[in-house]
């Protein structure tokens, strides 16, 4: 057991309030298709305590190459405690059960164990959209919302998080649905496809609206929260969306994954 964990165990028995203050500040890392970002987070408020640091995602993004970047990231912050990490694919008990958009080599890799081996630190890993949703539903755009809330992150791929009364129902993969043309819908409507095919914002938004309509029919959400880089352009494309479901832009924008990762680790340490 790590020395700091022994200290926390002692404090937990002695002073629960002191314990909460110590583990309130946690390093959150967000692994993305183009960049790996991190910051130390106040998990009570969602505030970034440090400047955000970004390192380009290696090409190819093999497990070994990404683990090396993760090590550099922890060293950048001189971090010696537990780390929360959001990862761009389906994660079950720390294991990658879908190769996602990084590399086929990730399938069945125990990501938490890999990163722990590289850094000698405990890692708490979960899906990136799920953890962005944790931040937004508890502290951000969905803070006051009840019922079904769906968070959709639009970037290299399309991620999604499903919440009912703020409780996460993990590993919803809307981006893996099949479009009527037979292809996976994130290969039709992700922001990376907009850039690759040179689509206008209107052309892309009409594609994305098809996903929103499917989401409305299947899940009847009371709120949809949009994240990812293109969400910053929401005012420029919202007129092309036909859904009658209320939509909000993520409060924490591209920091949601970092914040949610830190919050996730904080919760796991308290459990």
Protein backbone atom coordinates (compact mmCIF):
# COMPACT_ATOMS: atom_id res chain seq x y z
CA UNK A 1 0.00 0.00 0.00
CA UNK A 2 1.26 3.50 -0.87
CA UNK A 3 2.45 5.65 2.05
CA UNK A 4 -0.10 8.36 1.26
CA UNK A 5 -2.88 5.73 1.31
CA UNK A 6 -1.79 4.64 4.78
CA UNK A 7 -1.88 8.28 5.86
CA UNK A 8 -5.38 8.65 4.45
CA UNK A 9 -6.53 5.48 6.23
CA UNK A 10 -5.25 6.87 9.51
CA UNK A 11 -6.90 10.23 8.87
CA UNK A 12 -10.16 8.56 7.85
CA UNK A 13 -10.37 6.99 11.25
CA UNK A 14 -9.27 10.16 13.01
CA UNK A 15 -10.67 13.10 11.09
CA UNK A 16 -12.99 12.64 8.10
CA UNK A 17 -13.06 16.37 7.36
CA UNK A 18 -9.26 16.51 7.09
CA UNK A 19 -9.38 13.50 4.78
CA UNK A 20 -11.82 15.22 2.44
CA UNK A 21 -9.64 18.31 2.26
CA UNK A 22 -6.56 16.27 1.36
CA UNK A 23 -8.13 14.29 -1.50
CA UNK A 24 -10.15 17.23 -2.82
CA UNK A 25 -7.22 18.24 -5.07
CA UNK A 26 -6.50 15.58 -7.68
CA UNK A 27 -4.69 15.41 -11.00
CA UNK A 28 -7.12 14.79 -13.85
CA UNK A 29 -5.91 13.59 -17.25
CA UNK A 30 -8.01 13.57 -20.42
CA UNK A 31 -6.71 11.32 -23.21
CA UNK A 32 -7.98 12.43 -26.61
CA UNK A 33 -7.38 11.49 -30.22
CA UNK A 34 -5.29 14.60 -30.93
CA UNK A 35 -4.06 15.68 -27.50
CA UNK A 36 -3.58 14.54 -23.91
CA UNK A 37 -4.50 17.28 -21.43
CA UNK A 38 -4.20 17.52 -17.66
CA UNK A 39 -4.49 19.82 -14.65
CA UNK A 40 -4.82 19.62 -10.90
CA UNK A 41 -8.49 20.04 -10.01
CA UNK A 42 -10.46 21.18 -7.00
CA UNK A 43 -13.02 18.37 -7.12
CA UNK A 44 -15.50 20.26 -4.97
CA UNK A 45 -15.80 23.28 -7.27
CA UNK A 46 -14.42 22.05 -10.60
CA UNK A 47 -11.79 24.79 -10.60
CA UNK A 48 -8.46 24.08 -12.28
CA UNK A 49 -5.88 24.80 -9.59
CA UNK A 50 -2.99 24.71 -12.08
CA UNK A 51 -2.57 25.75 -15.69
CA UNK A 52 -3.75 23.09 -18.11
CA UNK A 53 -0.89 21.22 -19.78
CA UNK A 54 -1.24 19.57 -23.18
CA UNK A 55 0.94 17.05 -25.00
CA UNK A 56 0.04 15.88 -28.52
CA UNK A 57 -1.25 12.32 -28.69
CA UNK A 58 1.53 10.18 -30.20
CA UNK A 59 1.13 8.75 -33.71
CA UNK A 60 0.58 5.87 -33.72
CA UNK A 61 -1.16 5.98 -30.32
CA UNK A 62 -0.03 2.57 -29.12
CA UNK A 63 -0.37 1.61 -25.45
CA UNK A 64 3.36 1.97 -24.88
CA UNK A 65 3.56 5.38 -26.56
CA UNK A 66 0.57 6.80 -24.68
CA UNK A 67 1.84 5.40 -21.37
CA UNK A 68 5.09 7.28 -21.93
CA UNK A 69 3.17 10.54 -22.40
CA UNK A 70 1.15 9.83 -19.26
CA UNK A 71 4.41 9.42 -17.35
CA UNK A 72 5.67 12.76 -18.71
CA UNK A 73 2.41 14.37 -17.66
CA UNK A 74 2.64 13.22 -14.05
CA UNK A 75 6.27 14.34 -13.96
CA UNK A 76 5.30 17.75 -15.32
CA UNK A 77 3.04 18.29 -12.29
CA UNK A 78 5.46 16.55 -9.87
CA UNK A 79 2.46 14.43 -8.93
CA UNK A 80 2.86 11.63 -6.38
CA UNK A 81 -0.73 10.68 -5.54
CA UNK A 82 -3.73 9.06 -7.19
CA UNK A 83 -4.71 10.15 -10.71
CA UNK A 84 -8.08 10.26 -12.45
CA UNK A 85 -8.07 9.64 -16.20
CA UNK A 86 -10.71 9.85 -18.90
CA UNK A 87 -10.12 7.56 -21.86
CA UNK A 88 -11.69 7.68 -25.36
CA UNK A 89 -13.23 4.22 -25.51
CA UNK A 90 -15.38 1.82 -23.53
CA UNK A 91 -13.76 0.96 -20.19
CA UNK A 92 -14.99 -1.78 -17.84
CA UNK A 93 -13.12 -2.32 -14.55
CA UNK A 94 -10.10 -0.50 -15.96
CA UNK A 95 -9.99 -2.64 -19.13
CA UNK A 96 -10.39 -1.32 -22.67
CA UNK A 97 -13.08 -3.49 -24.29
CA UNK A 98 -13.19 -1.56 -27.57
CA UNK A 99 -10.19 -0.33 -29.54
CA UNK A 100 -11.77 3.09 -30.14
CA UNK A 101 -10.03 5.71 -32.31
CA UNK A 102 -6.51 5.40 -30.92
CA UNK A 103 -5.08 2.05 -31.99
CA UNK A 104 -6.34 -1.52 -32.35
CA UNK A 105 -3.58 -2.50 -29.93
CA UNK A 106 -5.68 -1.16 -27.03
CA UNK A 107 -8.26 -3.94 -27.14
CA UNK A 108 -8.34 -5.83 -23.82
CA UNK A 109 -5.55 -3.73 -22.30
CA UNK A 110 -5.89 -3.04 -18.57
CA UNK A 111 -5.34 0.69 -18.90
CA UNK A 112 -5.22 1.39 -15.17
CA UNK A 113 -2.53 -1.25 -14.68
CA UNK A 114 -0.53 -0.03 -17.69
CA UNK A 115 -0.45 3.57 -16.47
CA UNK A 116 0.28 2.50 -12.92
CA UNK A 117 3.27 0.50 -14.13
CA UNK A 118 4.56 3.49 -16.11
CA UNK A 119 4.16 6.05 -13.32
CA UNK A 120 4.19 4.00 -10.10
CA UNK A 121 0.95 5.79 -9.19
CA UNK A 122 -2.62 4.47 -8.76
CA UNK A 123 -4.91 5.31 -11.69
CA UNK A 124 -8.70 5.45 -11.84
CA UNK A 125 -9.84 5.15 -15.47
CA UNK A 126 -13.22 5.50 -17.14
CA UNK A 127 -14.79 6.52 -20.45
CA UNK A 128 -14.12 10.12 -21.45
CA UNK A 129 -17.70 11.13 -22.25
CA UNK A 130 -18.95 9.51 -19.05
CA UNK A 131 -16.47 11.52 -17.00
CA UNK A 132 -17.13 14.76 -18.87
CA UNK A 133 -20.75 14.11 -17.97
CA UNK A 134 -19.90 13.60 -14.31
CA UNK A 135 -18.45 17.11 -14.26
CA UNK A 136 -21.31 18.71 -16.19
CA UNK A 137 -24.18 16.96 -14.42
CA UNK A 138 -22.86 17.64 -10.92
CA UNK A 139 -21.17 21.03 -11.28
CA UNK A 140 -21.88 22.35 -14.77
CA UNK A 141 -24.64 22.79 -17.33
CA UNK A 142 -26.81 20.00 -15.91
CA UNK A 143 -26.42 20.86 -12.26
CA UNK A 144 -30.09 21.75 -11.78
CA UNK A 145 -31.52 19.13 -14.12
CA UNK A 146 -33.40 15.99 -13.09
CA UNK A 147 -34.55 13.04 -15.14
CA UNK A 148 -32.64 11.78 -18.18
CA UNK A 149 -29.64 13.85 -19.23
CA UNK A 150 -27.37 12.87 -22.12
CA UNK A 151 -23.93 14.36 -22.66
CA UNK A 152 -22.57 14.17 -26.21
CA UNK A 153 -18.93 14.99 -26.92
CA UNK A 154 -18.01 15.74 -30.52
CA UNK A 155 -14.41 15.50 -31.64
CA UNK A 156 -12.29 12.84 -33.33
CA UNK A 157 -15.23 10.55 -32.60
CA UNK A 158 -18.58 10.95 -30.86
CA UNK A 159 -18.79 10.09 -27.17
CA UNK A 160 -21.86 10.00 -24.96
CA UNK A 161 -22.80 9.78 -21.30
CA UNK A 162 -26.22 8.80 -19.95
CA UNK A 163 -27.49 10.01 -16.57
CA UNK A 164 -30.73 9.51 -14.68
CA UNK A 165 -31.26 11.85 -11.74
CA UNK A 166 -27.49 12.50 -11.87
CA UNK A 167 -26.63 8.81 -11.59
CA UNK A 168 -24.31 7.62 -14.34
CA UNK A 169 -25.39 4.66 -16.47
CA UNK A 170 -21.95 3.86 -17.91
CA UNK A 171 -20.67 3.10 -21.38
CA UNK A 172 -23.46 4.40 -23.60
CA UNK A 173 -21.92 4.52 -27.09
CA UNK A 174 -24.20 6.57 -29.33
CA UNK A 175 -21.31 7.14 -31.70
CA UNK A 176 -21.17 3.40 -32.47
CA UNK A 177 -24.76 3.28 -33.75
CA UNK A 178 -25.25 2.42 -37.39
CA UNK A 179 -26.46 5.16 -39.68
CA UNK A 180 -29.14 4.35 -42.26
CA UNK A 181 -26.40 4.31 -44.91
CA UNK A 182 -24.81 1.35 -43.12
CA UNK A 183 -21.76 3.07 -41.61
CA UNK A 184 -21.02 3.81 -37.97
CA UNK A 185 -22.54 7.20 -37.28
CA UNK A 186 -19.40 8.81 -35.83
CA UNK A 187 -17.73 8.15 -39.19
CA UNK A 188 -20.54 10.25 -40.68
CA UNK A 189 -21.10 13.01 -38.13
CA UNK A 190 -18.00 13.50 -35.95
CA UNK A 191 -16.18 16.84 -36.09
CA UNK A 192 -13.15 15.10 -37.58
CA UNK A 193 -15.35 14.07 -40.53
CA UNK A 194 -16.49 17.67 -40.99
CA UNK A 195 -12.87 18.71 -41.33
CA UNK A 196 -11.81 15.72 -43.43
CA UNK A 197 -14.66 16.16 -45.96
CA UNK A 198 -14.56 19.96 -45.90
CA UNK A 199 -18.22 20.20 -44.86
CA UNK A 200 -19.79 23.56 -44.15
CA UNK A 201 -21.13 24.04 -40.63
CA UNK A 202 -24.67 23.68 -42.01
CA UNK A 203 -23.86 20.46 -43.86
CA UNK A 204 -22.26 18.96 -40.78
CA UNK A 205 -25.05 20.14 -38.42
CA UNK A 206 -27.72 18.47 -40.57
CA UNK A 207 -25.81 15.22 -40.23
CA UNK A 208 -25.42 15.62 -36.49
CA UNK A 209 -29.13 16.41 -36.18
CA UNK A 210 -29.88 12.88 -37.37
CA UNK A 211 -28.08 11.56 -34.30
CA UNK A 212 -29.95 13.98 -32.04
CA UNK A 213 -33.29 12.84 -33.46
CA UNK A 214 -32.43 9.20 -32.88
CA UNK A 215 -31.40 10.06 -29.32
CA UNK A 216 -34.71 11.86 -28.73
CA UNK A 217 -36.79 8.94 -30.00
CA UNK A 218 -34.94 6.24 -28.05
CA UNK A 219 -34.15 7.97 -24.72
CA UNK A 220 -36.63 10.88 -24.36
CA UNK A 221 -34.02 13.01 -22.56
CA UNK A 222 -34.99 16.13 -20.65
CA UNK A 223 -31.64 17.73 -21.54
CA UNK A 224 -28.77 17.20 -23.98
CA UNK A 225 -25.39 18.73 -23.14
CA UNK A 226 -22.94 19.24 -26.00
CA UNK A 227 -19.18 19.16 -25.45
CA UNK A 228 -16.05 18.98 -27.55
CA UNK A 229 -14.33 21.69 -29.53
CA UNK A 230 -17.15 22.33 -31.99
CA UNK A 231 -19.60 23.03 -29.17
CA UNK A 232 -17.99 26.48 -29.00
CA UNK A 233 -19.65 27.15 -32.38
CA UNK A 234 -23.11 26.14 -31.15
CA UNK A 235 -24.60 29.60 -31.75
CA UNK A 236 -23.50 29.32 -35.38
CA UNK A 237 -25.15 25.96 -36.09
CA UNK A 238 -28.06 25.66 -33.64
CA UNK A 239 -30.52 26.98 -36.24
CA UNK A 240 -29.91 23.84 -38.32
CA UNK A 241 -30.93 21.47 -35.52
CA UNK A 242 -34.54 20.31 -35.54
CA UNK A 243 -34.77 18.55 -32.18
CA UNK A 244 -37.16 19.95 -29.58
CA UNK A 245 -35.07 18.61 -26.70
CA UNK A 246 -33.44 21.42 -24.69
CA UNK A 247 -29.73 21.71 -25.50
CA UNK A 248 -27.00 23.35 -23.45
CA UNK A 249 -23.31 23.76 -24.16
CA UNK A 250 -20.97 22.20 -21.61
CA UNK A 251 -20.02 24.76 -18.98
CA UNK A 252 -16.50 23.40 -18.64
CA UNK A 253 -16.02 23.02 -22.42
CA UNK A 254 -12.79 21.14 -23.20
CA UNK A 255 -11.88 20.93 -19.51
CA UNK A 256 -14.89 18.74 -18.66
CA UNK A 257 -12.95 15.50 -19.15
CA UNK A 258 -10.13 16.65 -16.89
CA UNK A 259 -12.52 17.77 -14.16
CA UNK A 260 -14.69 14.68 -14.37
CA UNK A 261 -11.63 12.41 -14.23
CA UNK A 262 -10.46 14.07 -11.02
CA UNK A 263 -13.97 13.85 -9.53
CA UNK A 264 -14.14 10.16 -10.44
CA UNK A 265 -10.83 9.43 -8.71
CA UNK A 266 -11.95 11.42 -5.69
CA UNK A 267 -15.12 9.33 -5.40
CA UNK A 268 -13.24 6.06 -5.80
CA UNK A 269 -10.81 7.05 -3.04
CA UNK A 270 -13.71 7.80 -0.70
CA UNK A 271 -15.59 4.57 -1.46
